[in-house]
Amino acid sequence: MDLGFGGEVAGFYQRYRRGYPAEVIDGLVQAFELTPDDVVLDLGCGTGQLALPLAERVRAVIGMDPEPDMLAEARRVAAGRTNLSWMVGSDADVPSLATLLGKNCLAAVTIGQALHWMDHDTLFHALHPLLRTGGGVAVVTNGTPLWLQDSDWSRALRRHLELWLDSEVTATCGTDDASRHRYAESLAAAGFTVSETRYQYSDVLDLDRVIGGVYSALPVNLLPPLEQRSYFAKQVGRALEGHAPYAEKIDVTLLIGTSHPR
């Protein structure tokens, strides 16, 4: 499954995508009572923003993503870590993991702002054979996209991107309330007990991080050509002029589905 997030985009993703505050990792550990004996699957792992800190708390983490370039970046960052494995695959490959790894082999499956690319109804049913009792699924969002935030600078950025791309920029990446509600209903329908925890933190971006964040979210074919990058950066700077500092209030949501014996 080629979503267009290879090549340069993987490098931008690794450099500019937010990590997760320590209390979010603590929340995952508490939700599933994770121990140093447990194994976790981070599905749609990208370059390892969740997988790496989780690996400090459990026996092993499997990072699974359909984009080999994302996994190459993850391997580079995780060099020397022996309890991280990286696997090319998507949600469609999950049913085969029970055959490969055995039933009840996972304590948790985390999905960090990637579920909007997946068939979540099918996926949640397919995960049950992999999970131990008390384990489960965590759908994790890490803030509203840069172009949809409730701030003057974000609105200015969105206007500029819409002019540049000649189309509306409305993608929520699964962070909106309607998507979370839909995911919660799907988890419940698949037999999970559902709960939600929220965290909030603040950040202030500079122009380089704003532009890098945009590049990390664009498929390769929509990146400005190399010879236009300097011009694009200047145009973004002009669009955001007068709106600094580029402050964010970032809401992290843990949508937890806990597994029970079936």
C-alpha atoms as a PDB file:
ATOM      1  CA  MET A   1       0.000   0.000   0.000  1.00  0.00           C
ATOM      2  CA  ASP A   2       1.785   3.148  -1.203  1.00  0.00           C
ATOM      3  CA  LEU A   3       0.442   6.265   0.479  1.00  0.00           C
ATOM      4  CA  GLY A   4       3.198   8.478  -0.898  1.00  0.00           C
ATOM      5  CA  PHE A   5       5.011   8.972   2.413  1.00  0.00           C
ATOM      6  CA  GLY A   6       8.395   7.584   1.443  1.00  0.00           C
ATOM      7  CA  GLY A   7      11.556   9.292   0.302  1.00  0.00           C
ATOM      8  CA  GLU A   8      12.098  12.764   1.704  1.00  0.00           C
ATOM      9  CA  VAL A   9       8.808  12.715   3.576  1.00  0.00           C
ATOM     10  CA  ALA A  10      10.105  10.010   5.929  1.00  0.00           C
ATOM     11  CA  GLY A  11      13.050  12.237   6.826  1.00  0.00           C
ATOM     12  CA  PHE A  12      10.777  15.213   7.448  1.00  0.00           C
ATOM     13  CA  TYR A  13       8.507  12.979   9.534  1.00  0.00           C
ATOM     14  CA  GLN A  14      11.373  11.875  11.751  1.00  0.00           C
ATOM     15  CA  ARG A  15      12.748  15.378  12.204  1.00  0.00           C
ATOM     16  CA  TYR A  16       9.563  17.377  12.674  1.00  0.00           C
ATOM     17  CA  ARG A  17       6.773  15.151  14.024  1.00  0.00           C
ATOM     18  CA  ARG A  18       6.049  15.619  17.703  1.00  0.00           C
ATOM     19  CA  GLY A  19       6.972  12.997  20.216  1.00  0.00           C
ATOM     20  CA  TYR A  20       4.756  12.140  23.185  1.00  0.00           C
ATOM     21  CA  PRO A  21       5.044  13.520  26.720  1.00  0.00           C
ATOM     22  CA  ALA A  22       6.152  11.045  29.390  1.00  0.00           C
ATOM     23  CA  GLU A  23       2.709  11.097  31.035  1.00  0.00           C
ATOM     24  CA  VAL A  24       1.171   9.720  27.833  1.00  0.00           C
ATOM     25  CA  ILE A  25       3.514   6.734  27.927  1.00  0.00           C
ATOM     26  CA  ASP A  26       2.715   6.351  31.634  1.00  0.00           C
ATOM     27  CA  GLY A  27      -0.980   6.362  30.733  1.00  0.00           C
ATOM     28  CA  LEU A  28      -0.501   3.530  28.237  1.00  0.00           C
ATOM     29  CA  VAL A  29       1.491   1.508  30.759  1.00  0.00           C
ATOM     30  CA  GLN A  30      -1.233   1.960  33.377  1.00  0.00           C
ATOM     31  CA  ALA A  31      -4.137   1.267  31.000  1.00  0.00           C
ATOM     32  CA  PHE A  32      -2.821  -2.168  30.040  1.00  0.00           C
ATOM     33  CA  GLU A  33      -0.725  -2.878  33.153  1.00  0.00           C
ATOM     34  CA  LEU A  34       2.339  -3.257  30.951  1.00  0.00           C
ATOM     35  CA  THR A  35       5.343  -5.028  32.436  1.00  0.00           C
ATOM     36  CA  PRO A  36       8.926  -5.754  31.356  1.00  0.00           C
ATOM     37  CA  ASP A  37       7.649  -9.159  30.185  1.00  0.00           C
ATOM     38  CA  ASP A  38       5.182  -7.728  27.665  1.00  0.00           C
ATOM     39  CA  VAL A  39       5.300  -7.261  23.894  1.00  0.00           C
ATOM     40  CA  VAL A  40       3.563  -4.348  22.163  1.00  0.00           C
ATOM     41  CA  LEU A  41       2.712  -3.816  18.492  1.00  0.00           C
ATOM     42  CA  ASP A  42       2.856  -0.209  17.268  1.00  0.00           C
ATOM     43  CA  LEU A  43       0.762  -0.304  14.093  1.00  0.00           C
ATOM     44  CA  GLY A  44       1.368   2.452  11.558  1.00  0.00           C
ATOM     45  CA  CYS A  45       4.481   3.266  13.561  1.00  0.00           C
ATOM     46  CA  GLY A  46       5.963   5.854  11.209  1.00  0.00           C
ATOM     47  CA  THR A  47       9.489   6.581  12.370  1.00  0.00           C
ATOM     48  CA  GLY A  48       8.924   5.332  15.921  1.00  0.00           C
ATOM     49  CA  GLN A  49       7.535   8.271  17.905  1.00  0.00           C
ATOM     50  CA  LEU A  50       5.537   5.861  20.102  1.00  0.00           C
ATOM     51  CA  ALA A  51       7.545   2.682  19.615  1.00  0.00           C
ATOM     52  CA  LEU A  52      10.817   4.044  21.000  1.00  0.00           C
ATOM     53  CA  PRO A  53       9.567   5.319  24.377  1.00  0.00           C
ATOM     54  CA  LEU A  54       7.336   2.264  24.816  1.00  0.00           C
ATOM     55  CA  ALA A  55      10.344  -0.001  24.286  1.00  0.00           C
ATOM     56  CA  GLU A  56      11.844   1.437  27.483  1.00  0.00           C
ATOM     57  CA  ARG A  57       8.926   0.015  29.457  1.00  0.00           C
ATOM     58  CA  VAL A  58       8.311  -3.456  27.983  1.00  0.00           C
ATOM     59  CA  ARG A  59      10.253  -6.498  26.814  1.00  0.00           C
ATOM     60  CA  ALA A  60       9.871  -5.745  23.117  1.00  0.00           C
ATOM     61  CA  VAL A  61       8.039  -3.527  20.633  1.00  0.00           C
ATOM     62  CA  ILE A  62       7.215  -4.420  17.037  1.00  0.00           C
ATOM     63  CA  GLY A  63       6.904  -1.370  14.819  1.00  0.00           C
ATOM     64  CA  MET A  64       4.797  -2.090  11.729  1.00  0.00           C
ATOM     65  CA  ASP A  65       4.312   0.321   8.820  1.00  0.00           C
ATOM     66  CA  PRO A  66       3.576  -0.058   5.102  1.00  0.00           C
ATOM     67  CA  GLU A  67       6.307   2.422   4.124  1.00  0.00           C
ATOM     68  CA  PRO A  68       9.860   0.970   4.078  1.00  0.00           C
ATOM     69  CA  ASP A  69      11.450   4.435   4.156  1.00  0.00           C
ATOM     70  CA  MET A  70       9.662   5.233   7.419  1.00  0.00           C
ATOM     71  CA  LEU A  71      11.034   2.021   8.915  1.00  0.00           C
ATOM     72  CA  ALA A  72      14.525   2.814   7.631  1.00  0.00           C
ATOM     73  CA  GLU A  73      14.418   6.102   9.547  1.00  0.00           C
ATOM     74  CA  ALA A  74      13.128   4.298  12.630  1.00  0.00           C
ATOM     75  CA  ARG A  75      15.956   1.752  12.446  1.00  0.00           C
ATOM     76  CA  ARG A  76      18.501   4.562  12.143  1.00  0.00           C
ATOM     77  CA  VAL A  77      17.187   6.367  15.208  1.00  0.00           C
ATOM     78  CA  ALA A  78      16.893   3.137  17.194  1.00  0.00           C
ATOM     79  CA  ALA A  79      20.379   1.891  16.302  1.00  0.00           C
ATOM     80  CA  GLY A  80      21.806  -0.132  19.184  1.00  0.00           C
ATOM     81  CA  ARG A  81      18.410  -0.852  20.748  1.00  0.00           C
ATOM     82  CA  THR A  82      17.882  -4.610  20.859  1.00  0.00           C
ATOM     83  CA  ASN A  83      14.212  -4.838  21.829  1.00  0.00           C
ATOM     84  CA  LEU A  84      12.734  -3.090  18.768  1.00  0.00           C
ATOM     85  CA  SER A  85      11.777  -4.940  15.585  1.00  0.00           C
ATOM     86  CA  TRP A  86      10.551  -3.274  12.409  1.00  0.00           C
ATOM     87  CA  MET A  87       8.125  -4.967  10.036  1.00  0.00           C
ATOM     88  CA  VAL A  88       6.747  -3.834   6.676  1.00  0.00           C
ATOM     89  CA  GLY A  89       2.979  -4.290   6.759  1.00  0.00           C
ATOM     90  CA  SER A  90      -0.414  -2.662   7.166  1.00  0.00           C
ATOM     91  CA  ASP A  91      -3.627  -3.353   9.020  1.00  0.00           C
ATOM     92  CA  ALA A  92      -4.492  -5.857   6.275  1.00  0.00           C
ATOM     93  CA  ASP A  93      -1.540  -7.997   7.449  1.00  0.00           C
ATOM     94  CA  VAL A  94      -2.660  -8.174  11.088  1.00  0.00           C
ATOM     95  CA  PRO A  95      -4.588 -11.493  10.773  1.00  0.00           C
ATOM     96  CA  SER A  96      -1.399 -13.277   9.707  1.00  0.00           C
ATOM     97  CA  LEU A  97       0.406 -12.157  12.862  1.00  0.00           C
ATOM     98  CA  ALA A  98      -1.549 -14.618  14.996  1.00  0.00           C
ATOM     99  CA  THR A  99      -0.100 -17.432  12.888  1.00  0.00           C
ATOM    100  CA  LEU A 100       3.371 -15.908  12.943  1.00  0.00           C
ATOM    101  CA  LEU A 101       3.567 -14.904  16.604  1.00  0.00           C
ATOM    102  CA  GLY A 102       0.927 -17.096  18.257  1.00  0.00           C
ATOM    103  CA  LYS A 103      -2.301 -16.201  20.021  1.00  0.00           C
ATOM    104  CA  ASN A 104      -2.458 -13.912  23.051  1.00  0.00           C
ATOM    105  CA  CYS A 105       1.114 -12.804  22.350  1.00  0.00           C
ATOM    106  CA  LEU A 106       0.606  -9.042  22.669  1.00  0.00           C
ATOM    107  CA  ALA A 107      -0.177  -6.907  25.677  1.00  0.00           C
ATOM    108  CA  ALA A 108      -1.243  -3.927  23.569  1.00  0.00           C
ATOM    109  CA  VAL A 109      -1.551  -2.551  20.069  1.00  0.00           C
ATOM    110  CA  THR A 110      -0.958   1.170  19.739  1.00  0.00           C
ATOM    111  CA  ILE A 111      -2.048   3.230  16.736  1.00  0.00           C
ATOM    112  CA  GLY A 112      -0.638   6.748  16.812  1.00  0.00           C
ATOM    113  CA  GLN A 113      -2.557   9.116  14.538  1.00  0.00           C
ATOM    114  CA  ALA A 114      -2.635   6.564  11.716  1.00  0.00           C
ATOM    115  CA  LEU A 115      -6.048   4.923  12.055  1.00  0.00           C
ATOM    116  CA  HIS A 116      -7.574   7.174   9.377  1.00  0.00           C
ATOM    117  CA  TRP A 117      -5.571   5.140   6.823  1.00  0.00           C
ATOM    118  CA  MET A 118      -6.974   1.817   8.061  1.00  0.00           C
ATOM    119  CA  ASP A 119     -10.160  -0.252   7.886  1.00  0.00           C
ATOM    120  CA  HIS A 120     -10.751   0.093  11.615  1.00  0.00           C
ATOM    121  CA  ASP A 121     -13.920  -2.021  11.795  1.00  0.00           C
ATOM    122  CA  THR A 122     -12.140  -5.053  10.336  1.00  0.00           C
ATOM    123  CA  LEU A 123      -8.936  -4.330  12.230  1.00  0.00           C
ATOM    124  CA  PHE A 124     -10.466  -4.210  15.713  1.00  0.00           C
ATOM    125  CA  HIS A 125     -12.070  -7.639  15.249  1.00  0.00           C
ATOM    126  CA  ALA A 126      -8.813  -9.042  13.857  1.00  0.00           C
ATOM    127  CA  LEU A 127      -6.804  -7.900  16.883  1.00  0.00           C
ATOM    128  CA  HIS A 128      -8.607 -10.026  19.495  1.00  0.00           C
ATOM    129  CA  PRO A 129      -6.661 -13.277  18.914  1.00  0.00           C
ATOM    130  CA  LEU A 130      -3.373 -11.428  19.404  1.00  0.00           C
ATOM    131  CA  LEU A 131      -4.180  -9.829  22.741  1.00  0.00           C
ATOM    132  CA  ARG A 132      -3.752 -11.185  26.240  1.00  0.00           C
ATOM    133  CA  THR A 133      -6.528 -10.690  28.771  1.00  0.00           C
ATOM    134  CA  GLY A 134      -6.388  -7.141  30.124  1.00  0.00           C
ATOM    135  CA  GLY A 135      -4.472  -5.947  27.119  1.00  0.00           C
ATOM    136  CA  GLY A 136      -6.033  -4.031  24.306  1.00  0.00           C
ATOM    137  CA  VAL A 137      -5.916  -1.300  21.705  1.00  0.00           C
ATOM    138  CA  ALA A 138      -4.907   2.338  22.150  1.00  0.00           C
ATOM    139  CA  VAL A 139      -5.831   4.855  19.465  1.00  0.00           C
ATOM    140  CA  VAL A 140      -3.588   7.834  20.173  1.00  0.00           C
ATOM    141  CA  THR A 141      -3.939  11.327  18.727  1.00  0.00           C
ATOM    142  CA  ASN A 142      -1.244  13.937  19.241  1.00  0.00           C
ATOM    143  CA  GLY A 143      -2.790  17.305  18.532  1.00  0.00           C
ATOM    144  CA  THR A 144      -4.755  18.936  15.752  1.00  0.00           C
ATOM    145  CA  PRO A 145      -2.904  19.325  12.424  1.00  0.00           C
ATOM    146  CA  LEU A 146      -1.002  22.591  12.057  1.00  0.00           C
ATOM    147  CA  TRP A 147      -3.471  23.922   9.495  1.00  0.00           C
ATOM    148  CA  LEU A 148      -6.640  23.354  11.570  1.00  0.00           C
ATOM    149  CA  GLN A 149      -5.818  24.909  14.916  1.00  0.00           C
ATOM    150  CA  ASP A 150      -7.791  27.697  16.558  1.00  0.00           C
ATOM    151  CA  SER A 151      -5.220  30.442  16.144  1.00  0.00           C
ATOM    152  CA  ASP A 152      -4.535  33.304  13.758  1.00  0.00           C
ATOM    153  CA  TRP A 153      -1.264  31.798  12.561  1.00  0.00           C
ATOM    154  CA  SER A 154      -2.900  28.441  11.808  1.00  0.00           C
ATOM    155  CA  ARG A 155      -5.696  30.072   9.832  1.00  0.00           C
ATOM    156  CA  ALA A 156      -3.120  32.102   7.884  1.00  0.00           C
ATOM    157  CA  LEU A 157      -1.166  28.923   7.176  1.00  0.00           C
ATOM    158  CA  ARG A 158      -4.293  27.152   5.946  1.00  0.00           C
ATOM    159  CA  ARG A 159      -5.149  30.007   3.567  1.00  0.00           C
ATOM    160  CA  HIS A 160      -1.636  29.908   2.134  1.00  0.00           C
ATOM    161  CA  LEU A 161      -1.655  26.122   1.697  1.00  0.00           C
ATOM    162  CA  GLU A 162      -5.008  26.231  -0.039  1.00  0.00           C
ATOM    163  CA  LEU A 163      -3.671  28.794  -2.500  1.00  0.00           C
ATOM    164  CA  TRP A 164      -0.495  26.756  -3.028  1.00  0.00           C
ATOM    165  CA  LEU A 165      -2.300  23.438  -3.494  1.00  0.00           C
ATOM    166  CA  ASP A 166      -5.337  24.964  -5.222  1.00  0.00           C
ATOM    167  CA  SER A 167      -7.669  22.925  -3.007  1.00  0.00           C
ATOM    168  CA  GLU A 168      -9.253  23.031   0.429  1.00  0.00           C
ATOM    169  CA  VAL A 169      -7.075  21.794   3.290  1.00  0.00           C
ATOM    170  CA  THR A 170      -9.455  20.063   5.688  1.00  0.00           C
ATOM    171  CA  ALA A 171      -7.792  16.757   6.656  1.00  0.00           C
ATOM    172  CA  THR A 172      -8.134  16.153  10.395  1.00  0.00           C
ATOM    173  CA  CYS A 173      -6.030  12.958  10.409  1.00  0.00           C
ATOM    174  CA  GLY A 174      -8.552  11.359  12.751  1.00  0.00           C
ATOM    175  CA  THR A 175      -8.138  13.983  15.493  1.00  0.00           C
ATOM    176  CA  ASP A 176     -11.669  15.428  15.353  1.00  0.00           C
ATOM    177  CA  ASP A 177     -14.455  14.509  17.762  1.00  0.00           C
ATOM    178  CA  ALA A 178     -16.539  12.788  15.073  1.00  0.00           C
ATOM    179  CA  SER A 179     -13.668  10.440  14.172  1.00  0.00           C
ATOM    180  CA  ARG A 180     -12.940   9.579  17.794  1.00  0.00           C
ATOM    181  CA  HIS A 181     -16.624   8.864  18.395  1.00  0.00           C
ATOM    182  CA  ARG A 182     -16.700   6.594  15.348  1.00  0.00           C
ATOM    183  CA  TYR A 183     -13.586   4.744  16.519  1.00  0.00           C
ATOM    184  CA  ALA A 184     -15.044   4.335  20.017  1.00  0.00           C
ATOM    185  CA  GLU A 185     -18.248   2.845  18.636  1.00  0.00           C
ATOM    186  CA  SER A 186     -16.236   0.491  16.432  1.00  0.00           C
ATOM    187  CA  LEU A 187     -14.127  -0.683  19.385  1.00  0.00           C
ATOM    188  CA  ALA A 188     -17.250  -1.346  21.431  1.00  0.00           C
ATOM    189  CA  ALA A 189     -18.867  -3.236  18.557  1.00  0.00           C
ATOM    190  CA  ALA A 190     -15.752  -5.411  18.348  1.00  0.00           C
ATOM    191  CA  GLY A 191     -16.149  -6.384  22.016  1.00  0.00           C
ATOM    192  CA  PHE A 192     -13.724  -4.008  23.720  1.00  0.00           C
ATOM    193  CA  THR A 193     -14.472  -2.013  26.857  1.00  0.00           C
ATOM    194  CA  VAL A 194     -13.844   1.597  25.857  1.00  0.00           C
ATOM    195  CA  SER A 195     -12.496   4.516  27.872  1.00  0.00           C
ATOM    196  CA  GLU A 196     -10.782   7.785  27.048  1.00  0.00           C
ATOM    197  CA  THR A 197      -8.059   9.830  28.713  1.00  0.00           C
ATOM    198  CA  ARG A 198      -6.851  13.253  27.633  1.00  0.00           C
ATOM    199  CA  TYR A 199      -3.650  15.147  28.243  1.00  0.00           C
ATOM    200  CA  GLN A 200      -2.689  18.669  27.253  1.00  0.00           C
ATOM    201  CA  TYR A 201       0.631  20.374  26.782  1.00  0.00           C
ATOM    202  CA  SER A 202       1.900  23.535  25.100  1.00  0.00           C
ATOM    203  CA  ASP A 203       4.596  24.230  22.544  1.00  0.00           C
ATOM    204  CA  VAL A 204       5.903  27.177  20.550  1.00  0.00           C
ATOM    205  CA  LEU A 205       7.081  26.580  16.996  1.00  0.00           C
ATOM    206  CA  ASP A 206       9.520  28.533  14.897  1.00  0.00           C
ATOM    207  CA  LEU A 207       9.028  28.977  11.158  1.00  0.00           C
ATOM    208  CA  ASP A 208      11.330  26.060  10.320  1.00  0.00           C
ATOM    209  CA  ARG A 209       9.205  23.676  12.409  1.00  0.00           C
ATOM    210  CA  VAL A 210       5.983  24.965  10.845  1.00  0.00           C
ATOM    211  CA  ILE A 211       7.324  24.362   7.338  1.00  0.00           C
ATOM    212  CA  GLY A 212       8.874  21.022   8.288  1.00  0.00           C
ATOM    213  CA  GLY A 213       5.606  19.940   9.870  1.00  0.00           C
ATOM    214  CA  VAL A 214       3.785  20.727   6.631  1.00  0.00           C
ATOM    215  CA  TYR A 215       6.352  18.792   4.584  1.00  0.00           C
ATOM    216  CA  SER A 216       5.991  15.784   6.910  1.00  0.00           C
ATOM    217  CA  ALA A 217       2.258  15.640   6.132  1.00  0.00           C
ATOM    218  CA  LEU A 218       2.440  15.946   2.352  1.00  0.00           C
ATOM    219  CA  PRO A 219       2.804  12.965   0.032  1.00  0.00           C
ATOM    220  CA  VAL A 220       5.961  13.098  -2.055  1.00  0.00           C
ATOM    221  CA  ASN A 221       4.144  14.225  -5.197  1.00  0.00           C
ATOM    222  CA  LEU A 222       2.810  17.334  -3.425  1.00  0.00           C
ATOM    223  CA  LEU A 223       6.107  18.505  -1.898  1.00  0.00           C
ATOM    224  CA  PRO A 224       7.368  21.738  -3.444  1.00  0.00           C
ATOM    225  CA  PRO A 225      10.151  20.906  -5.922  1.00  0.00           C
ATOM    226  CA  LEU A 226      13.648  21.412  -4.506  1.00  0.00           C
ATOM    227  CA  GLU A 227      14.216  24.539  -6.585  1.00  0.00           C
ATOM    228  CA  GLN A 228      11.025  26.057  -5.135  1.00  0.00           C
ATOM    229  CA  ARG A 229      11.623  25.246  -1.450  1.00  0.00           C
ATOM    230  CA  SER A 230      13.301  28.557  -0.651  1.00  0.00           C
ATOM    231  CA  TYR A 231      10.492  30.471  -2.343  1.00  0.00           C
ATOM    232  CA  PHE A 232       7.870  28.376  -0.536  1.00  0.00           C
ATOM    233  CA  ALA A 233       9.517  29.084   2.831  1.00  0.00           C
ATOM    234  CA  LYS A 234       9.577  32.829   2.145  1.00  0.00           C
ATOM    235  CA  GLN A 235       5.938  32.778   1.122  1.00  0.00           C
ATOM    236  CA  VAL A 236       4.928  30.930   4.292  1.00  0.00           C
ATOM    237  CA  GLY A 237       6.932  33.449   6.311  1.00  0.00           C
ATOM    238  CA  ARG A 238       5.076  36.306   4.633  1.00  0.00           C
ATOM    239  CA  ALA A 239       1.711  34.600   5.156  1.00  0.00           C
ATOM    240  CA  LEU A 240       2.431  34.228   8.885  1.00  0.00           C
ATOM    241  CA  GLU A 241       3.989  37.652   9.311  1.00  0.00           C
ATOM    242  CA  GLY A 242       2.658  39.385  12.398  1.00  0.00           C
ATOM    243  CA  HIS A 243       1.291  36.169  13.908  1.00  0.00           C
ATOM    244  CA  ALA A 244       4.381  35.014  15.830  1.00  0.00           C
ATOM    245  CA  PRO A 245       4.888  33.332  18.226  1.00  0.00           C
ATOM    246  CA  TYR A 246       3.390  30.187  16.716  1.00  0.00           C
ATOM    247  CA  ALA A 247       1.981  28.792  19.931  1.00  0.00           C
ATOM    248  CA  GLU A 248       0.149  25.468  20.166  1.00  0.00           C
ATOM    249  CA  LYS A 249      -2.105  23.935  22.789  1.00  0.00           C
ATOM    250  CA  ILE A 250      -1.805  20.243  22.045  1.00  0.00           C
ATOM    251  CA  ASP A 251      -4.477  17.779  23.111  1.00  0.00           C
ATOM    252  CA  VAL A 252      -3.387  14.142  23.319  1.00  0.00           C
ATOM    253  CA  THR A 253      -6.193  11.585  23.434  1.00  0.00           C
ATOM    254  CA  LEU A 254      -5.834   7.957  24.474  1.00  0.00           C
ATOM    255  CA  LEU A 255      -8.869   6.044  23.259  1.00  0.00           C
ATOM    256  CA  ILE A 256      -8.489   2.737  25.083  1.00  0.00           C
ATOM    257  CA  GLY A 257     -10.180  -0.525  24.148  1.00  0.00           C
ATOM    258  CA  THR A 258      -9.572  -3.205  26.796  1.00  0.00           C
ATOM    259  CA  SER A 259      -9.748  -6.875  25.818  1.00  0.00           C
ATOM    260  CA  HIS A 260     -11.540  -9.567  27.821  1.00  0.00           C
ATOM    261  CA  PRO A 261     -11.720 -13.361  27.460  1.00  0.00           C
ATOM    262  CA  ARG A 262     -13.881 -14.434  24.521  1.00  0.00           C
END
